[in-house]
N, C-alpha and C. Protein backbone atom coordinates (compact mmCIF):
# COMPACT_ATOMS: atom_id res chain seq x y z
N MET A 1 29.53 178.46 100.53
CA MET A 1 29.10 179.83 100.64
C MET A 1 28.58 180.34 99.30
N ALA A 2 29.21 179.95 98.19
CA ALA A 2 28.76 180.40 96.87
C ALA A 2 27.36 179.87 96.59
N PHE A 3 27.10 178.65 96.99
CA PHE A 3 25.77 178.06 96.78
C PHE A 3 24.71 178.85 97.55
N THR A 4 25.03 179.27 98.75
CA THR A 4 24.11 180.07 99.55
C THR A 4 23.82 181.40 98.86
N ALA A 5 24.84 182.03 98.31
CA ALA A 5 24.67 183.30 97.60
C ALA A 5 23.79 183.11 96.37
N ILE A 6 23.99 182.03 95.63
CA ILE A 6 23.20 181.76 94.43
C ILE A 6 21.74 181.55 94.81
N LEU A 7 21.50 180.76 95.86
CA LEU A 7 20.13 180.54 96.31
C LEU A 7 19.48 181.84 96.78
N GLY A 8 20.24 182.65 97.50
CA GLY A 8 19.71 183.93 97.96
C GLY A 8 19.36 184.85 96.82
N ALA A 9 20.22 184.91 95.81
CA ALA A 9 19.96 185.75 94.64
C ALA A 9 18.73 185.28 93.89
N ALA A 10 18.65 183.99 93.62
CA ALA A 10 17.51 183.45 92.88
C ALA A 10 16.21 183.61 93.66
N GLY A 11 16.27 183.34 94.95
CA GLY A 11 15.07 183.49 95.78
C GLY A 11 14.57 184.92 95.82
N ALA A 12 15.48 185.86 95.90
CA ALA A 12 15.09 187.27 95.94
C ALA A 12 14.44 187.70 94.64
N VAL A 13 15.01 187.28 93.51
CA VAL A 13 14.46 187.66 92.21
C VAL A 13 13.07 187.04 92.02
N VAL A 14 12.90 185.80 92.44
CA VAL A 14 11.60 185.13 92.31
C VAL A 14 10.56 185.75 93.25
N ALA A 15 10.97 186.09 94.46
CA ALA A 15 10.03 186.60 95.47
C ALA A 15 9.66 188.07 95.29
N ALA A 16 10.52 188.85 94.64
CA ALA A 16 10.32 190.30 94.55
C ALA A 16 8.94 190.71 93.99
N PRO A 17 8.46 190.12 92.89
CA PRO A 17 7.14 190.54 92.39
C PRO A 17 6.01 190.29 93.39
N ALA A 18 6.06 189.17 94.08
CA ALA A 18 5.03 188.87 95.08
C ALA A 18 5.10 189.83 96.25
N ILE A 19 6.30 190.20 96.64
CA ILE A 19 6.48 191.15 97.74
C ILE A 19 5.95 192.53 97.34
N LEU A 20 6.25 192.95 96.12
CA LEU A 20 5.72 194.23 95.64
C LEU A 20 4.20 194.25 95.67
N THR A 21 3.59 193.18 95.17
CA THR A 21 2.13 193.10 95.15
C THR A 21 1.58 193.09 96.57
N ALA A 22 2.19 192.33 97.46
CA ALA A 22 1.72 192.28 98.85
C ALA A 22 1.82 193.63 99.53
N ALA A 23 2.81 194.43 99.14
CA ALA A 23 2.97 195.77 99.72
C ALA A 23 1.99 196.77 99.13
N GLY A 24 1.35 196.41 98.00
CA GLY A 24 0.35 197.28 97.40
C GLY A 24 0.77 197.93 96.10
N PHE A 25 1.94 197.58 95.57
CA PHE A 25 2.39 198.09 94.27
C PHE A 25 1.92 197.10 93.21
N THR A 26 0.77 197.37 92.59
CA THR A 26 0.15 196.42 91.68
C THR A 26 0.12 196.96 90.25
N GLY A 27 -0.22 196.08 89.33
CA GLY A 27 -0.36 196.47 87.94
C GLY A 27 -1.48 197.47 87.72
N ALA A 28 -2.45 197.49 88.61
CA ALA A 28 -3.59 198.41 88.50
C ALA A 28 -3.34 199.72 89.25
N GLY A 29 -2.18 199.87 89.84
CA GLY A 29 -1.88 201.08 90.60
C GLY A 29 -1.65 200.73 92.06
N ILE A 30 -1.53 201.74 92.88
CA ILE A 30 -1.28 201.53 94.30
C ILE A 30 -2.59 201.16 94.99
N ALA A 31 -2.56 200.07 95.73
CA ALA A 31 -3.76 199.57 96.41
C ALA A 31 -4.11 200.43 97.63
N ALA A 32 -5.38 200.75 97.75
CA ALA A 32 -5.85 201.55 98.88
C ALA A 32 -5.60 200.83 100.20
N GLY A 33 -5.18 201.57 101.21
CA GLY A 33 -4.97 201.02 102.54
C GLY A 33 -3.73 200.17 102.69
N SER A 34 -2.85 200.20 101.71
CA SER A 34 -1.66 199.35 101.74
C SER A 34 -0.44 200.13 102.23
N VAL A 35 0.65 199.40 102.42
CA VAL A 35 1.92 200.03 102.74
C VAL A 35 2.30 200.99 101.62
N ALA A 36 2.05 200.60 100.38
CA ALA A 36 2.36 201.46 99.24
C ALA A 36 1.59 202.77 99.30
N SER A 37 0.33 202.72 99.70
CA SER A 37 -0.45 203.95 99.77
C SER A 37 0.07 204.86 100.88
N TRP A 38 0.51 204.27 101.98
CA TRP A 38 1.11 205.06 103.06
C TRP A 38 2.39 205.71 102.57
N MET A 39 3.23 204.94 101.85
CA MET A 39 4.48 205.48 101.33
C MET A 39 4.22 206.62 100.34
N MET A 40 3.22 206.43 99.48
CA MET A 40 2.90 207.45 98.50
C MET A 40 2.40 208.72 99.19
N SER A 41 1.55 208.57 100.17
CA SER A 41 1.03 209.71 100.91
C SER A 41 2.15 210.46 101.62
N THR A 42 3.04 209.73 102.26
CA THR A 42 4.16 210.33 102.97
C THR A 42 5.07 211.08 102.00
N ALA A 43 5.35 210.48 100.85
CA ALA A 43 6.21 211.11 99.85
C ALA A 43 5.54 212.37 99.29
N ALA A 44 4.24 212.30 99.07
CA ALA A 44 3.52 213.46 98.53
C ALA A 44 3.53 214.63 99.52
N VAL A 45 3.30 214.34 100.79
CA VAL A 45 3.33 215.40 101.80
C VAL A 45 4.73 216.02 101.87
N ALA A 46 5.75 215.19 101.81
CA ALA A 46 7.13 215.69 101.90
C ALA A 46 7.53 216.52 100.69
N ASN A 47 6.88 216.25 99.55
CA ASN A 47 7.23 216.95 98.31
C ASN A 47 6.20 217.98 97.89
N GLY A 48 5.39 218.45 98.81
CA GLY A 48 4.44 219.50 98.49
C GLY A 48 3.25 219.06 97.65
N GLY A 49 2.88 217.80 97.73
CA GLY A 49 1.67 217.32 97.07
C GLY A 49 1.88 216.35 95.93
N GLY A 50 3.09 216.11 95.52
CA GLY A 50 3.34 215.18 94.43
C GLY A 50 4.43 214.19 94.78
N VAL A 51 4.46 213.11 94.04
CA VAL A 51 5.52 212.11 94.21
C VAL A 51 6.56 212.38 93.13
N ALA A 52 7.78 212.62 93.54
CA ALA A 52 8.84 212.97 92.59
C ALA A 52 9.18 211.80 91.68
N ALA A 53 9.36 212.11 90.40
CA ALA A 53 9.83 211.10 89.45
C ALA A 53 11.20 210.62 89.89
N GLY A 54 11.43 209.34 89.81
CA GLY A 54 12.71 208.78 90.21
C GLY A 54 12.83 208.47 91.68
N SER A 55 11.79 208.79 92.45
CA SER A 55 11.82 208.49 93.89
C SER A 55 11.64 207.00 94.12
N VAL A 56 11.87 206.57 95.34
CA VAL A 56 11.69 205.15 95.68
C VAL A 56 10.26 204.71 95.40
N VAL A 57 9.29 205.53 95.79
CA VAL A 57 7.88 205.17 95.57
C VAL A 57 7.60 205.05 94.08
N ALA A 58 8.09 205.99 93.29
CA ALA A 58 7.87 205.93 91.84
C ALA A 58 8.52 204.70 91.23
N ALA A 59 9.73 204.37 91.67
CA ALA A 59 10.43 203.19 91.14
C ALA A 59 9.71 201.91 91.52
N LEU A 60 9.24 201.82 92.76
CA LEU A 60 8.52 200.61 93.20
C LEU A 60 7.19 200.46 92.46
N GLN A 61 6.49 201.58 92.23
CA GLN A 61 5.23 201.51 91.50
C GLN A 61 5.47 201.08 90.06
N SER A 62 6.52 201.60 89.46
CA SER A 62 6.87 201.20 88.10
C SER A 62 7.16 199.70 88.03
N ALA A 63 7.91 199.20 89.00
CA ALA A 63 8.23 197.77 89.04
C ALA A 63 6.98 196.94 89.29
N GLY A 64 6.08 197.45 90.14
CA GLY A 64 4.84 196.72 90.40
C GLY A 64 3.93 196.68 89.19
N ALA A 65 3.92 197.75 88.41
CA ALA A 65 3.04 197.84 87.25
C ALA A 65 3.61 197.14 86.02
N ALA A 66 4.89 197.34 85.76
CA ALA A 66 5.48 196.84 84.52
C ALA A 66 6.42 195.66 84.71
N GLY A 67 6.72 195.32 85.94
CA GLY A 67 7.68 194.26 86.20
C GLY A 67 9.04 194.86 86.50
N ILE A 68 9.92 194.04 86.98
CA ILE A 68 11.24 194.50 87.37
C ILE A 68 12.18 194.36 86.17
N SER A 69 12.86 195.44 85.82
CA SER A 69 13.79 195.44 84.70
C SER A 69 14.96 194.49 84.98
N MET A 70 15.73 194.22 83.94
CA MET A 70 16.91 193.37 84.12
C MET A 70 17.89 194.01 85.10
N ALA A 71 18.07 195.32 85.00
CA ALA A 71 18.97 196.00 85.94
C ALA A 71 18.42 195.89 87.36
N GLY A 72 17.11 196.03 87.51
CA GLY A 72 16.48 195.89 88.82
C GLY A 72 16.63 194.49 89.37
N GLN A 73 16.50 193.48 88.47
CA GLN A 73 16.68 192.11 88.90
C GLN A 73 18.11 191.86 89.36
N ALA A 74 19.06 192.50 88.71
CA ALA A 74 20.47 192.36 89.12
C ALA A 74 20.68 192.93 90.52
N VAL A 75 20.07 194.08 90.78
CA VAL A 75 20.19 194.69 92.11
C VAL A 75 19.51 193.82 93.16
N VAL A 76 18.30 193.37 92.87
CA VAL A 76 17.57 192.51 93.81
C VAL A 76 18.35 191.23 94.07
N GLY A 77 18.91 190.65 93.02
CA GLY A 77 19.71 189.43 93.17
C GLY A 77 20.95 189.66 94.01
N ALA A 78 21.62 190.78 93.79
CA ALA A 78 22.83 191.09 94.58
C ALA A 78 22.50 191.27 96.05
N VAL A 79 21.40 191.95 96.32
CA VAL A 79 20.98 192.14 97.72
C VAL A 79 20.60 190.80 98.34
N GLY A 80 19.88 189.97 97.60
CA GLY A 80 19.50 188.65 98.11
C GLY A 80 20.71 187.79 98.40
N ALA A 81 21.71 187.84 97.50
CA ALA A 81 22.94 187.06 97.70
C ALA A 81 23.69 187.54 98.94
N ALA A 82 23.77 188.86 99.10
CA ALA A 82 24.47 189.42 100.26
C ALA A 82 23.78 189.05 101.56
N LEU A 83 22.45 189.17 101.56
CA LEU A 83 21.70 188.84 102.78
C LEU A 83 21.80 187.35 103.13
N ALA A 84 21.71 186.50 102.11
CA ALA A 84 21.82 185.05 102.36
C ALA A 84 23.21 184.69 102.88
N THR A 85 24.23 185.29 102.30
CA THR A 85 25.59 185.03 102.75
C THR A 85 25.80 185.51 104.18
N ALA A 86 25.31 186.72 104.46
CA ALA A 86 25.44 187.25 105.83
C ALA A 86 24.70 186.38 106.83
N ALA A 87 23.50 185.93 106.45
CA ALA A 87 22.72 185.08 107.35
C ALA A 87 23.43 183.75 107.60
N SER A 88 24.03 183.20 106.55
CA SER A 88 24.72 181.91 106.74
C SER A 88 25.97 182.05 107.62
N ASN A 89 26.56 183.22 107.59
CA ASN A 89 27.74 183.46 108.43
C ASN A 89 27.37 183.69 109.89
N CYS A 90 26.11 184.02 110.15
CA CYS A 90 25.66 184.30 111.53
C CYS A 90 25.25 183.05 112.26
N THR A 91 25.01 181.97 111.54
CA THR A 91 24.55 180.74 112.19
C THR A 91 25.75 179.86 112.52
N GLY A 92 25.61 179.16 113.61
CA GLY A 92 26.63 178.36 114.19
C GLY A 92 27.43 177.50 113.38
């Protein structure tokens, strides 16, 4: 089980930048027509025209532009480990 958690954590940390880019959170900004642009639009409408600093959209854009911080990598790794462990417990 520990090996599964380690693989899940490592896989999540390695995959996270590609997933951010695929969602539209890029180094050049939010990609037009992407999931990220939809999220940004939705957040802006909900907040009266702007995206709040510290919001999920702002944090994801920051990670897409500058990379994921060490603290962010720890969170992503923990989530990956938990999901991998849960998935391994669900299979026969």
